[in-house]
Amino acid sequence: MNSHAILRFLQDYAVLVMIVVLMIALSMLSDSFLTPRNLINILNQNAPLAIMAAAMTLVIIAGGFDLSVGSIFAMGAVTSAWIALNVDPYLGLFVAPVVGLLLGTVNGVVITTLKVHSFLATIATSLIFKGIAIVLSDGRLIPVRMDEFTWLGRDRIGGVFIAVWVMIAFAVALTFVLNKTAFGRKVFSVGGNEEAAILSGIRTNRIKIATFALAGLAAGLASAIAVSRISMGQASAGTGMELQAIAAVILGGTSIYGGVGAVWRSVAGVLLLALINNGFNILNADPFYRDLTTGLVILAAIGISAAGKR
């Protein structure tokens, strides 16, 4: 096997290898790790982030970055809780993904209209969305203690949390869209070579807007799950989740240069980060070493991505 084939294998499956190694190590170090309860809790706690990372995959494959999904998450949480408290709890849960979809579309339109890099544009919109969330909530917590509202984040089907089922369904749907539809092929084309995509007749701006709209939809859906679980909306929700989502996508082997990636690998990246965090918690290890380990793993993934590009 030559060096190119090894590099390709690492890009595609390194995250799975690391997950398996980590699970074996944690199983040997702690009896409480490999239990159904612990594994289901890991999946449940990270379902919102996995949903966001799945959609972020399409954004990065198309050559973009979205640093506003954390603020969209906050907007979804605040709006959902407010409507649930003042109008209807079921409507509150439904509104969060709609709000996310609208804000994600705004991101895409701003980026394509002003022709600015998505990195800079979404930093700006992130501040705007976060500010609106603070104004809407008046900087206060919005508690919602209703069974009609908390079912999405707390109830189970077949012993597995509904949030986990939603995450699986969302990831499978995006995998189908990315790999089996004309839209998915266009996403890869835009990220691989935008100029060639334009010359081939692809309306690249529409594809970019659609990917950011999906990222917003995912952030809104994730916020509905999270706010339902804790039965409380707050403007500080989602802080840092955009960086965690991007880190998980890159850990999964999606190229930071665009044109290469897979949704399932991004979800696996989320699970890898979750296992690192869970392992350090179980072992009561110093949080410094957890952050150090996570940073080194992400740096290694970026190095593999850069080497693949060269």
C-alpha atoms as a PDB file:
ATOM      1  CA  MET A   1       0.000   0.000   0.000  1.00  0.00           C
ATOM      2  CA  ASN A   2       1.583   3.310  -1.112  1.00  0.00           C
ATOM      3  CA  SER A   3       1.569   6.540   0.910  1.00  0.00           C
ATOM      4  CA  HIS A   4      -1.356   7.991  -1.070  1.00  0.00           C
ATOM      5  CA  ALA A   5      -3.533   4.960  -0.327  1.00  0.00           C
ATOM      6  CA  ILE A   6      -2.615   5.097   3.382  1.00  0.00           C
ATOM      7  CA  LEU A   7      -3.475   8.800   3.520  1.00  0.00           C
ATOM      8  CA  ARG A   8      -6.786   8.154   1.805  1.00  0.00           C
ATOM      9  CA  PHE A   9      -7.583   5.371   4.282  1.00  0.00           C
ATOM     10  CA  LEU A  10      -6.780   7.675   7.208  1.00  0.00           C
ATOM     11  CA  GLN A  11      -9.040  10.397   5.806  1.00  0.00           C
ATOM     12  CA  ASP A  12     -11.910   7.934   5.416  1.00  0.00           C
ATOM     13  CA  TYR A  13     -11.641   5.665   8.445  1.00  0.00           C
ATOM     14  CA  ALA A  14      -9.216   7.119  11.017  1.00  0.00           C
ATOM     15  CA  VAL A  15     -12.119   8.381  13.137  1.00  0.00           C
ATOM     16  CA  LEU A  16     -13.610   4.873  13.337  1.00  0.00           C
ATOM     17  CA  VAL A  17     -10.249   3.376  14.283  1.00  0.00           C
ATOM     18  CA  MET A  18      -9.827   5.963  17.053  1.00  0.00           C
ATOM     19  CA  ILE A  19     -13.355   5.297  18.356  1.00  0.00           C
ATOM     20  CA  VAL A  20     -12.710   1.549  18.541  1.00  0.00           C
ATOM     21  CA  VAL A  21      -9.333   2.018  20.258  1.00  0.00           C
ATOM     22  CA  LEU A  22     -10.806   4.501  22.731  1.00  0.00           C
ATOM     23  CA  MET A  23     -13.764   2.243  23.551  1.00  0.00           C
ATOM     24  CA  ILE A  24     -11.451  -0.719  24.195  1.00  0.00           C
ATOM     25  CA  ALA A  25      -9.186   1.388  26.420  1.00  0.00           C
ATOM     26  CA  LEU A  26     -12.068   2.881  28.423  1.00  0.00           C
ATOM     27  CA  SER A  27     -13.688  -0.539  28.824  1.00  0.00           C
ATOM     28  CA  MET A  28     -10.469  -1.842  30.355  1.00  0.00           C
ATOM     29  CA  LEU A  29     -10.028   1.193  32.604  1.00  0.00           C
ATOM     30  CA  SER A  30     -13.600   1.412  33.899  1.00  0.00           C
ATOM     31  CA  ASP A  31     -16.386  -1.116  34.410  1.00  0.00           C
ATOM     32  CA  SER A  32     -19.027   1.623  34.204  1.00  0.00           C
ATOM     33  CA  PHE A  33     -18.128   2.695  30.654  1.00  0.00           C
ATOM     34  CA  LEU A  34     -19.411  -0.147  28.476  1.00  0.00           C
ATOM     35  CA  THR A  35     -22.928  -0.264  29.937  1.00  0.00           C
ATOM     36  CA  PRO A  36     -26.149   0.344  27.979  1.00  0.00           C
ATOM     37  CA  ARG A  37     -27.111   3.198  30.278  1.00  0.00           C
ATOM     38  CA  ASN A  38     -23.815   5.051  29.801  1.00  0.00           C
ATOM     39  CA  LEU A  39     -23.727   4.532  26.018  1.00  0.00           C
ATOM     40  CA  ILE A  40     -27.352   5.649  25.565  1.00  0.00           C
ATOM     41  CA  ASN A  41     -26.688   8.723  27.709  1.00  0.00           C
ATOM     42  CA  ILE A  42     -23.648   9.595  25.575  1.00  0.00           C
ATOM     43  CA  LEU A  43     -25.770   9.417  22.425  1.00  0.00           C
ATOM     44  CA  ASN A  44     -28.605  11.407  23.997  1.00  0.00           C
ATOM     45  CA  GLN A  45     -26.402  14.172  25.359  1.00  0.00           C
ATOM     46  CA  ASN A  46     -24.638  14.623  22.015  1.00  0.00           C
ATOM     47  CA  ALA A  47     -27.642  14.254  19.684  1.00  0.00           C
ATOM     48  CA  PRO A  48     -28.055  18.046  19.211  1.00  0.00           C
ATOM     49  CA  LEU A  49     -24.359  18.490  18.345  1.00  0.00           C
ATOM     50  CA  ALA A  50     -24.458  15.496  15.967  1.00  0.00           C
ATOM     51  CA  ILE A  51     -27.447  17.021  14.146  1.00  0.00           C
ATOM     52  CA  MET A  52     -25.589  20.314  13.744  1.00  0.00           C
ATOM     53  CA  ALA A  53     -22.374  18.596  12.612  1.00  0.00           C
ATOM     54  CA  ALA A  54     -24.282  16.540  10.011  1.00  0.00           C
ATOM     55  CA  ALA A  55     -25.584  19.715   8.356  1.00  0.00           C
ATOM     56  CA  MET A  56     -22.284  21.559   8.813  1.00  0.00           C
ATOM     57  CA  THR A  57     -20.720  18.820   6.680  1.00  0.00           C
ATOM     58  CA  LEU A  58     -22.584  20.084   3.619  1.00  0.00           C
ATOM     59  CA  VAL A  59     -21.527  23.675   4.299  1.00  0.00           C
ATOM     60  CA  ILE A  60     -17.840  22.732   4.530  1.00  0.00           C
ATOM     61  CA  ILE A  61     -17.981  20.377   1.532  1.00  0.00           C
ATOM     62  CA  ALA A  62     -19.366  23.308  -0.478  1.00  0.00           C
ATOM     63  CA  GLY A  63     -16.374  25.395   0.611  1.00  0.00           C
ATOM     64  CA  GLY A  64     -17.961  27.428   3.411  1.00  0.00           C
ATOM     65  CA  PHE A  65     -17.891  27.849   7.197  1.00  0.00           C
ATOM     66  CA  ASP A  66     -20.787  28.726   9.468  1.00  0.00           C
ATOM     67  CA  LEU A  67     -19.821  30.332  12.767  1.00  0.00           C
ATOM     68  CA  SER A  68     -23.364  31.488  13.497  1.00  0.00           C
ATOM     69  CA  VAL A  69     -25.038  28.132  14.252  1.00  0.00           C
ATOM     70  CA  GLY A  70     -24.418  28.576  17.991  1.00  0.00           C
ATOM     71  CA  SER A  71     -26.311  31.868  17.914  1.00  0.00           C
ATOM     72  CA  ILE A  72     -29.054  30.335  15.746  1.00  0.00           C
ATOM     73  CA  PHE A  73     -29.289  27.627  18.396  1.00  0.00           C
ATOM     74  CA  ALA A  74     -29.807  30.362  21.028  1.00  0.00           C
ATOM     75  CA  MET A  75     -32.467  32.052  18.881  1.00  0.00           C
ATOM     76  CA  GLY A  76     -34.272  28.747  18.444  1.00  0.00           C
ATOM     77  CA  ALA A  77     -34.148  28.013  22.184  1.00  0.00           C
ATOM     78  CA  VAL A  78     -35.459  31.431  23.218  1.00  0.00           C
ATOM     79  CA  THR A  79     -38.176  31.537  20.556  1.00  0.00           C
ATOM     80  CA  SER A  80     -39.273  27.975  21.263  1.00  0.00           C
ATOM     81  CA  ALA A  81     -39.556  28.539  25.015  1.00  0.00           C
ATOM     82  CA  TRP A  82     -41.368  31.872  24.648  1.00  0.00           C
ATOM     83  CA  ILE A  83     -43.970  30.510  22.231  1.00  0.00           C
ATOM     84  CA  ALA A  84     -44.439  27.363  24.301  1.00  0.00           C
ATOM     85  CA  LEU A  85     -45.067  29.482  27.396  1.00  0.00           C
ATOM     86  CA  ASN A  86     -47.314  32.087  25.793  1.00  0.00           C
ATOM     87  CA  VAL A  87     -48.992  30.305  22.873  1.00  0.00           C
ATOM     88  CA  ASP A  88     -48.676  26.510  22.613  1.00  0.00           C
ATOM     89  CA  PRO A  89     -45.955  24.013  23.673  1.00  0.00           C
ATOM     90  CA  TYR A  90     -46.209  21.904  20.513  1.00  0.00           C
ATOM     91  CA  LEU A  91     -46.011  25.015  18.348  1.00  0.00           C
ATOM     92  CA  GLY A  92     -42.957  26.115  20.331  1.00  0.00           C
ATOM     93  CA  LEU A  93     -41.080  22.939  19.407  1.00  0.00           C
ATOM     94  CA  PHE A  94     -42.122  23.260  15.758  1.00  0.00           C
ATOM     95  CA  VAL A  95     -41.091  26.916  15.484  1.00  0.00           C
ATOM     96  CA  ALA A  96     -37.441  26.401  16.477  1.00  0.00           C
ATOM     97  CA  PRO A  97     -36.413  24.553  13.264  1.00  0.00           C
ATOM     98  CA  VAL A  98     -38.379  27.083  11.179  1.00  0.00           C
ATOM     99  CA  VAL A  99     -36.552  29.986  12.835  1.00  0.00           C
ATOM    100  CA  GLY A 100     -33.267  28.185  12.194  1.00  0.00           C
ATOM    101  CA  LEU A 101     -34.143  27.633   8.537  1.00  0.00           C
ATOM    102  CA  LEU A 102     -34.964  31.320   8.053  1.00  0.00           C
ATOM    103  CA  LEU A 103     -31.785  32.544   9.760  1.00  0.00           C
ATOM    104  CA  GLY A 104     -29.667  30.052   7.830  1.00  0.00           C
ATOM    105  CA  THR A 105     -31.213  31.303   4.595  1.00  0.00           C
ATOM    106  CA  VAL A 106     -30.365  34.873   5.636  1.00  0.00           C
ATOM    107  CA  ASN A 107     -26.743  33.760   6.066  1.00  0.00           C
ATOM    108  CA  GLY A 108     -26.660  32.264   2.588  1.00  0.00           C
ATOM    109  CA  VAL A 109     -28.241  35.325   0.960  1.00  0.00           C
ATOM    110  CA  VAL A 110     -25.854  37.720   2.739  1.00  0.00           C
ATOM    111  CA  ILE A 111     -22.805  35.673   1.708  1.00  0.00           C
ATOM    112  CA  THR A 112     -23.805  35.293  -1.947  1.00  0.00           C
ATOM    113  CA  THR A 113     -25.155  38.829  -2.366  1.00  0.00           C
ATOM    114  CA  LEU A 114     -22.265  40.674  -0.741  1.00  0.00           C
ATOM    115  CA  LYS A 115     -19.762  38.152  -2.101  1.00  0.00           C
ATOM    116  CA  VAL A 116     -17.866  37.958   1.187  1.00  0.00           C
ATOM    117  CA  HIS A 117     -16.227  34.920   2.738  1.00  0.00           C
ATOM    118  CA  SER A 118     -18.636  32.911   4.849  1.00  0.00           C
ATOM    119  CA  PHE A 119     -16.183  32.986   7.764  1.00  0.00           C
ATOM    120  CA  LEU A 120     -16.442  36.776   8.077  1.00  0.00           C
ATOM    121  CA  ALA A 121     -20.138  37.005   7.238  1.00  0.00           C
ATOM    122  CA  THR A 122     -21.223  34.450   9.807  1.00  0.00           C
ATOM    123  CA  ILE A 123     -19.123  36.072  12.535  1.00  0.00           C
ATOM    124  CA  ALA A 124     -21.186  39.216  11.935  1.00  0.00           C
ATOM    125  CA  THR A 125     -24.552  37.451  11.754  1.00  0.00           C
ATOM    126  CA  SER A 126     -23.630  35.453  14.855  1.00  0.00           C
ATOM    127  CA  LEU A 127     -23.338  38.671  16.858  1.00  0.00           C
ATOM    128  CA  ILE A 128     -26.627  39.936  15.412  1.00  0.00           C
ATOM    129  CA  PHE A 129     -28.552  36.724  16.155  1.00  0.00           C
ATOM    130  CA  LYS A 130     -27.130  36.502  19.677  1.00  0.00           C
ATOM    131  CA  GLY A 131     -28.106  40.120  20.320  1.00  0.00           C
ATOM    132  CA  ILE A 132     -31.659  39.489  19.139  1.00  0.00           C
ATOM    133  CA  ALA A 133     -31.898  36.412  21.391  1.00  0.00           C
ATOM    134  CA  ILE A 134     -30.832  38.514  24.397  1.00  0.00           C
ATOM    135  CA  VAL A 135     -33.393  41.197  23.560  1.00  0.00           C
ATOM    136  CA  LEU A 136     -36.208  38.668  23.088  1.00  0.00           C
ATOM    137  CA  SER A 137     -35.489  36.982  26.410  1.00  0.00           C
ATOM    138  CA  ASP A 138     -34.607  40.240  28.193  1.00  0.00           C
ATOM    139  CA  GLY A 139     -31.465  38.401  29.281  1.00  0.00           C
ATOM    140  CA  ARG A 140     -33.503  36.081  31.507  1.00  0.00           C
ATOM    141  CA  LEU A 141     -34.232  32.369  31.643  1.00  0.00           C
ATOM    142  CA  ILE A 142     -37.576  31.261  30.188  1.00  0.00           C
ATOM    143  CA  PRO A 143     -38.740  28.160  32.110  1.00  0.00           C
ATOM    144  CA  VAL A 144     -41.294  25.848  30.459  1.00  0.00           C
ATOM    145  CA  ARG A 145     -42.446  23.014  32.707  1.00  0.00           C
ATOM    146  CA  MET A 146     -45.005  21.181  30.587  1.00  0.00           C
ATOM    147  CA  ASP A 147     -45.120  17.508  29.590  1.00  0.00           C
ATOM    148  CA  GLU A 148     -46.302  18.613  26.120  1.00  0.00           C
ATOM    149  CA  PHE A 149     -42.993  20.435  25.752  1.00  0.00           C
ATOM    150  CA  THR A 150     -40.463  18.121  27.406  1.00  0.00           C
ATOM    151  CA  TRP A 151     -41.359  14.893  25.556  1.00  0.00           C
ATOM    152  CA  LEU A 152     -38.931  15.549  22.693  1.00  0.00           C
ATOM    153  CA  GLY A 153     -35.901  15.808  24.944  1.00  0.00           C
ATOM    154  CA  ARG A 154     -36.830  13.336  27.698  1.00  0.00           C
ATOM    155  CA  ASP A 155     -39.138  10.584  26.430  1.00  0.00           C
ATOM    156  CA  ARG A 156     -37.990   7.269  24.964  1.00  0.00           C
ATOM    157  CA  ILE A 157     -39.091   4.835  22.271  1.00  0.00           C
ATOM    158  CA  GLY A 158     -37.894   1.259  22.674  1.00  0.00           C
ATOM    159  CA  GLY A 159     -35.633   2.271  25.540  1.00  0.00           C
ATOM    160  CA  VAL A 160     -33.825   4.853  23.391  1.00  0.00           C
ATOM    161  CA  PHE A 161     -34.369   8.587  23.730  1.00  0.00           C
ATOM    162  CA  ILE A 162     -36.517  10.191  21.010  1.00  0.00           C
ATOM    163  CA  ALA A 163     -33.698  12.708  20.464  1.00  0.00           C
ATOM    164  CA  VAL A 164     -31.383   9.868  19.409  1.00  0.00           C
ATOM    165  CA  TRP A 165     -33.954   8.567  16.914  1.00  0.00           C
ATOM    166  CA  VAL A 166     -34.335  12.094  15.513  1.00  0.00           C
ATOM    167  CA  MET A 167     -30.552  12.394  15.177  1.00  0.00           C
ATOM    168  CA  ILE A 168     -30.304   9.070  13.342  1.00  0.00           C
ATOM    169  CA  ALA A 169     -33.173   9.958  10.986  1.00  0.00           C
ATOM    170  CA  PHE A 170     -31.672  13.392  10.237  1.00  0.00           C
ATOM    171  CA  ALA A 171     -28.209  11.974   9.548  1.00  0.00           C
ATOM    172  CA  VAL A 172     -29.614   9.245   7.283  1.00  0.00           C
ATOM    173  CA  ALA A 173     -31.711  11.795   5.371  1.00  0.00           C
ATOM    174  CA  LEU A 174     -28.726  14.103   4.805  1.00  0.00           C
ATOM    175  CA  THR A 175     -26.565  11.139   3.768  1.00  0.00           C
ATOM    176  CA  PHE A 176     -29.160  10.235   1.135  1.00  0.00           C
ATOM    177  CA  VAL A 177     -29.386  13.854  -0.055  1.00  0.00           C
ATOM    178  CA  LEU A 178     -25.610  14.205  -0.303  1.00  0.00           C
ATOM    179  CA  ASN A 179     -24.852  10.877  -2.000  1.00  0.00           C
ATOM    180  CA  LYS A 180     -27.959  10.006  -4.008  1.00  0.00           C
ATOM    181  CA  THR A 181     -29.352  13.265  -5.372  1.00  0.00           C
ATOM    182  CA  ALA A 182     -28.387  15.826  -8.001  1.00  0.00           C
ATOM    183  CA  PHE A 183     -28.223  18.463  -5.264  1.00  0.00           C
ATOM    184  CA  GLY A 184     -25.608  16.418  -3.400  1.00  0.00           C
ATOM    185  CA  ARG A 185     -23.468  16.068  -6.518  1.00  0.00           C
ATOM    186  CA  LYS A 186     -23.656  19.817  -7.032  1.00  0.00           C
ATOM    187  CA  VAL A 187     -22.531  20.429  -3.437  1.00  0.00           C
ATOM    188  CA  PHE A 188     -19.394  18.362  -4.096  1.00  0.00           C
ATOM    189  CA  SER A 189     -18.838  20.169  -7.410  1.00  0.00           C
ATOM    190  CA  VAL A 190     -19.103  23.641  -5.883  1.00  0.00           C
ATOM    191  CA  GLY A 191     -16.643  22.754  -3.126  1.00  0.00           C
ATOM    192  CA  GLY A 192     -14.265  20.917  -5.427  1.00  0.00           C
ATOM    193  CA  ASN A 193     -13.969  23.605  -8.086  1.00  0.00           C
ATOM    194  CA  GLU A 194     -16.439  26.482  -8.054  1.00  0.00           C
ATOM    195  CA  GLU A 195     -15.296  27.963 -11.352  1.00  0.00           C
ATOM    196  CA  ALA A 196     -15.727  24.634 -13.138  1.00  0.00           C
ATOM    197  CA  ALA A 197     -19.144  24.260 -11.493  1.00  0.00           C
ATOM    198  CA  ILE A 198     -20.211  27.665 -12.837  1.00  0.00           C
ATOM    199  CA  LEU A 199     -18.986  26.788 -16.325  1.00  0.00           C
ATOM    200  CA  SER A 200     -20.948  23.525 -16.194  1.00  0.00           C
ATOM    201  CA  GLY A 201     -24.149  25.458 -15.560  1.00  0.00           C
ATOM    202  CA  ILE A 202     -24.543  24.930 -11.811  1.00  0.00           C
ATOM    203  CA  ARG A 203     -26.127  27.859  -9.998  1.00  0.00           C
ATOM    204  CA  THR A 204     -23.541  27.923  -7.270  1.00  0.00           C
ATOM    205  CA  ASN A 205     -25.183  30.689  -5.246  1.00  0.00           C
ATOM    206  CA  ARG A 206     -28.353  28.642  -4.852  1.00  0.00           C
ATOM    207  CA  ILE A 207     -26.347  25.640  -3.687  1.00  0.00           C
ATOM    208  CA  LYS A 208     -24.510  27.738  -1.106  1.00  0.00           C
ATOM    209  CA  ILE A 209     -27.733  29.290   0.180  1.00  0.00           C
ATOM    210  CA  ALA A 210     -29.284  25.817   0.473  1.00  0.00           C
ATOM    211  CA  THR A 211     -26.356  24.465   2.517  1.00  0.00           C
ATOM    212  CA  PHE A 212     -26.505  27.382   4.959  1.00  0.00           C
ATOM    213  CA  ALA A 213     -30.289  27.012   5.173  1.00  0.00           C
ATOM    214  CA  LEU A 214     -29.827  23.339   6.109  1.00  0.00           C
ATOM    215  CA  ALA A 215     -27.239  24.289   8.741  1.00  0.00           C
ATOM    216  CA  GLY A 216     -29.715  26.756  10.216  1.00  0.00           C
ATOM    217  CA  LEU A 217     -32.504  24.177  10.143  1.00  0.00           C
ATOM    218  CA  ALA A 218     -30.262  21.715  11.980  1.00  0.00           C
ATOM    219  CA  ALA A 219     -29.331  24.284  14.634  1.00  0.00           C
ATOM    220  CA  GLY A 220     -33.014  25.051  15.171  1.00  0.00           C
ATOM    221  CA  LEU A 221     -33.903  21.367  15.450  1.00  0.00           C
ATOM    222  CA  ALA A 222     -31.021  20.807  17.866  1.00  0.00           C
ATOM    223  CA  SER A 223     -32.184  23.733  19.997  1.00  0.00           C
ATOM    224  CA  ALA A 224     -35.722  22.299  20.148  1.00  0.00           C
ATOM    225  CA  ILE A 225     -34.306  19.032  21.528  1.00  0.00           C
ATOM    226  CA  ALA A 226     -32.046  20.798  24.026  1.00  0.00           C
ATOM    227  CA  VAL A 227     -34.630  23.274  25.328  1.00  0.00           C
ATOM    228  CA  SER A 228     -37.169  20.454  25.622  1.00  0.00           C
ATOM    229  CA  ARG A 229     -34.704  18.395  27.665  1.00  0.00           C
ATOM    230  CA  ILE A 230     -33.867  21.125  30.186  1.00  0.00           C
ATOM    231  CA  SER A 231     -37.349  22.746  29.931  1.00  0.00           C
ATOM    232  CA  MET A 232     -35.784  26.176  29.759  1.00  0.00           C
ATOM    233  CA  GLY A 233     -34.811  28.667  27.045  1.00  0.00           C
ATOM    234  CA  GLN A 234     -31.870  31.029  27.437  1.00  0.00           C
ATOM    235  CA  ALA A 235     -29.884  33.369  25.218  1.00  0.00           C
ATOM    236  CA  SER A 236     -26.593  31.850  26.373  1.00  0.00           C
ATOM    237  CA  ALA A 237     -27.554  28.453  24.921  1.00  0.00           C
ATOM    238  CA  GLY A 238     -25.381  27.105  22.110  1.00  0.00           C
ATOM    239  CA  THR A 239     -22.235  29.009  23.076  1.00  0.00           C
ATOM    240  CA  GLY A 240     -19.241  27.288  21.495  1.00  0.00           C
ATOM    241  CA  MET A 241     -21.300  24.677  19.661  1.00  0.00           C
ATOM    242  CA  GLU A 242     -20.305  26.058  16.262  1.00  0.00           C
ATOM    243  CA  LEU A 243     -16.634  25.299  16.993  1.00  0.00           C
ATOM    244  CA  GLN A 244     -17.459  21.851  18.338  1.00  0.00           C
ATOM    245  CA  ALA A 245     -19.484  21.079  15.208  1.00  0.00           C
ATOM    246  CA  ILE A 246     -16.687  22.219  12.886  1.00  0.00           C
ATOM    247  CA  ALA A 247     -14.138  20.239  14.912  1.00  0.00           C
ATOM    248  CA  ALA A 248     -16.281  17.098  14.644  1.00  0.00           C
ATOM    249  CA  VAL A 249     -16.666  17.547  10.875  1.00  0.00           C
ATOM    250  CA  ILE A 250     -12.912  17.916  10.400  1.00  0.00           C
ATOM    251  CA  LEU A 251     -12.256  14.967  12.733  1.00  0.00           C
ATOM    252  CA  GLY A 252     -14.494  12.957  10.420  1.00  0.00           C
ATOM    253  CA  GLY A 253     -12.170  13.595   7.488  1.00  0.00           C
ATOM    254  CA  THR A 254     -14.144  16.292   5.666  1.00  0.00           C
ATOM    255  CA  SER A 255     -11.618  18.499   3.896  1.00  0.00           C
ATOM    256  CA  ILE A 256     -11.390  22.076   5.170  1.00  0.00           C
ATOM    257  CA  TYR A 257     -10.719  23.001   1.541  1.00  0.00           C
ATOM    258  CA  GLY A 258     -14.088  21.648   0.368  1.00  0.00           C
ATOM    259  CA  GLY A 259     -15.110  18.998  -2.130  1.00  0.00           C
ATOM    260  CA  VAL A 260     -14.593  15.952   0.136  1.00  0.00           C
ATOM    261  CA  GLY A 261     -16.612  14.651   3.082  1.00  0.00           C
ATOM    262  CA  ALA A 262     -19.344  12.385   4.443  1.00  0.00           C
ATOM    263  CA  VAL A 263     -22.139  12.933   6.962  1.00  0.00           C
ATOM    264  CA  TRP A 264     -21.591   9.624   8.788  1.00  0.00           C
ATOM    265  CA  ARG A 265     -17.970  10.516   9.450  1.00  0.00           C
ATOM    266  CA  SER A 266     -18.983  13.845  10.995  1.00  0.00           C
ATOM    267  CA  VAL A 267     -21.400  12.048  13.322  1.00  0.00           C
ATOM    268  CA  ALA A 268     -18.541   9.690  14.178  1.00  0.00           C
ATOM    269  CA  GLY A 269     -16.406  12.757  14.917  1.00  0.00           C
ATOM    270  CA  VAL A 270     -19.019  13.924  17.426  1.00  0.00           C
ATOM    271  CA  LEU A 271     -18.976  10.490  19.063  1.00  0.00           C
ATOM    272  CA  LEU A 272     -15.184  10.569  19.284  1.00  0.00           C
ATOM    273  CA  LEU A 273     -15.254  13.943  21.061  1.00  0.00           C
ATOM    274  CA  ALA A 274     -18.023  12.627  23.323  1.00  0.00           C
ATOM    275  CA  LEU A 275     -16.026   9.510  24.212  1.00  0.00           C
ATOM    276  CA  ILE A 276     -12.964  11.580  25.096  1.00  0.00           C
ATOM    277  CA  ASN A 277     -15.083  13.789  27.344  1.00  0.00           C
ATOM    278  CA  ASN A 278     -16.931  10.832  28.899  1.00  0.00           C
ATOM    279  CA  GLY A 279     -13.720   8.928  29.493  1.00  0.00           C
ATOM    280  CA  PHE A 280     -12.086  11.785  31.363  1.00  0.00           C
ATOM    281  CA  ASN A 281     -15.241  12.238  33.460  1.00  0.00           C
ATOM    282  CA  ILE A 282     -15.391   8.537  34.371  1.00  0.00           C
ATOM    283  CA  LEU A 283     -11.702   8.479  35.266  1.00  0.00           C
ATOM    284  CA  ASN A 284     -11.944  11.796  37.170  1.00  0.00           C
ATOM    285  CA  ALA A 285      -8.932  13.030  35.232  1.00  0.00           C
ATOM    286  CA  ASP A 286      -7.692  16.620  35.140  1.00  0.00           C
ATOM    287  CA  PRO A 287      -9.825  18.646  32.623  1.00  0.00           C
ATOM    288  CA  PHE A 288      -6.606  20.202  31.307  1.00  0.00           C
ATOM    289  CA  TYR A 289      -5.514  16.873  29.877  1.00  0.00           C
ATOM    290  CA  ARG A 290      -8.949  16.389  28.301  1.00  0.00           C
ATOM    291  CA  ASP A 291      -8.650  19.691  26.440  1.00  0.00           C
ATOM    292  CA  LEU A 292      -5.045  18.907  25.535  1.00  0.00           C
ATOM    293  CA  THR A 293      -6.001  15.486  24.161  1.00  0.00           C
ATOM    294  CA  THR A 294      -8.959  16.892  22.203  1.00  0.00           C
ATOM    295  CA  GLY A 295      -6.786  19.637  20.728  1.00  0.00           C
ATOM    296  CA  LEU A 296      -4.069  17.202  19.648  1.00  0.00           C
ATOM    297  CA  VAL A 297      -6.609  14.884  18.000  1.00  0.00           C
ATOM    298  CA  ILE A 298      -8.186  17.793  16.081  1.00  0.00           C
ATOM    299  CA  LEU A 299      -4.740  19.063  15.046  1.00  0.00           C
ATOM    300  CA  ALA A 300      -3.864  15.611  13.716  1.00  0.00           C
ATOM    301  CA  ALA A 301      -7.107  15.553  11.698  1.00  0.00           C
ATOM    302  CA  ILE A 302      -6.337  18.973  10.213  1.00  0.00           C
ATOM    303  CA  GLY A 303      -2.846  17.751   9.296  1.00  0.00           C
ATOM    304  CA  ILE A 304      -4.285  14.724   7.500  1.00  0.00           C
ATOM    305  CA  SER A 305      -6.739  16.986   5.641  1.00  0.00           C
ATOM    306  CA  ALA A 306      -3.975  19.394   4.578  1.00  0.00           C
ATOM    307  CA  ALA A 307      -1.758  16.505   3.446  1.00  0.00           C
ATOM    308  CA  GLY A 308      -4.630  15.089   1.413  1.00  0.00           C
ATOM    309  CA  LYS A 309      -5.110  18.453  -0.317  1.00  0.00           C
ATOM    310  CA  ARG A 310      -1.423  18.599  -1.266  1.00  0.00           C
END
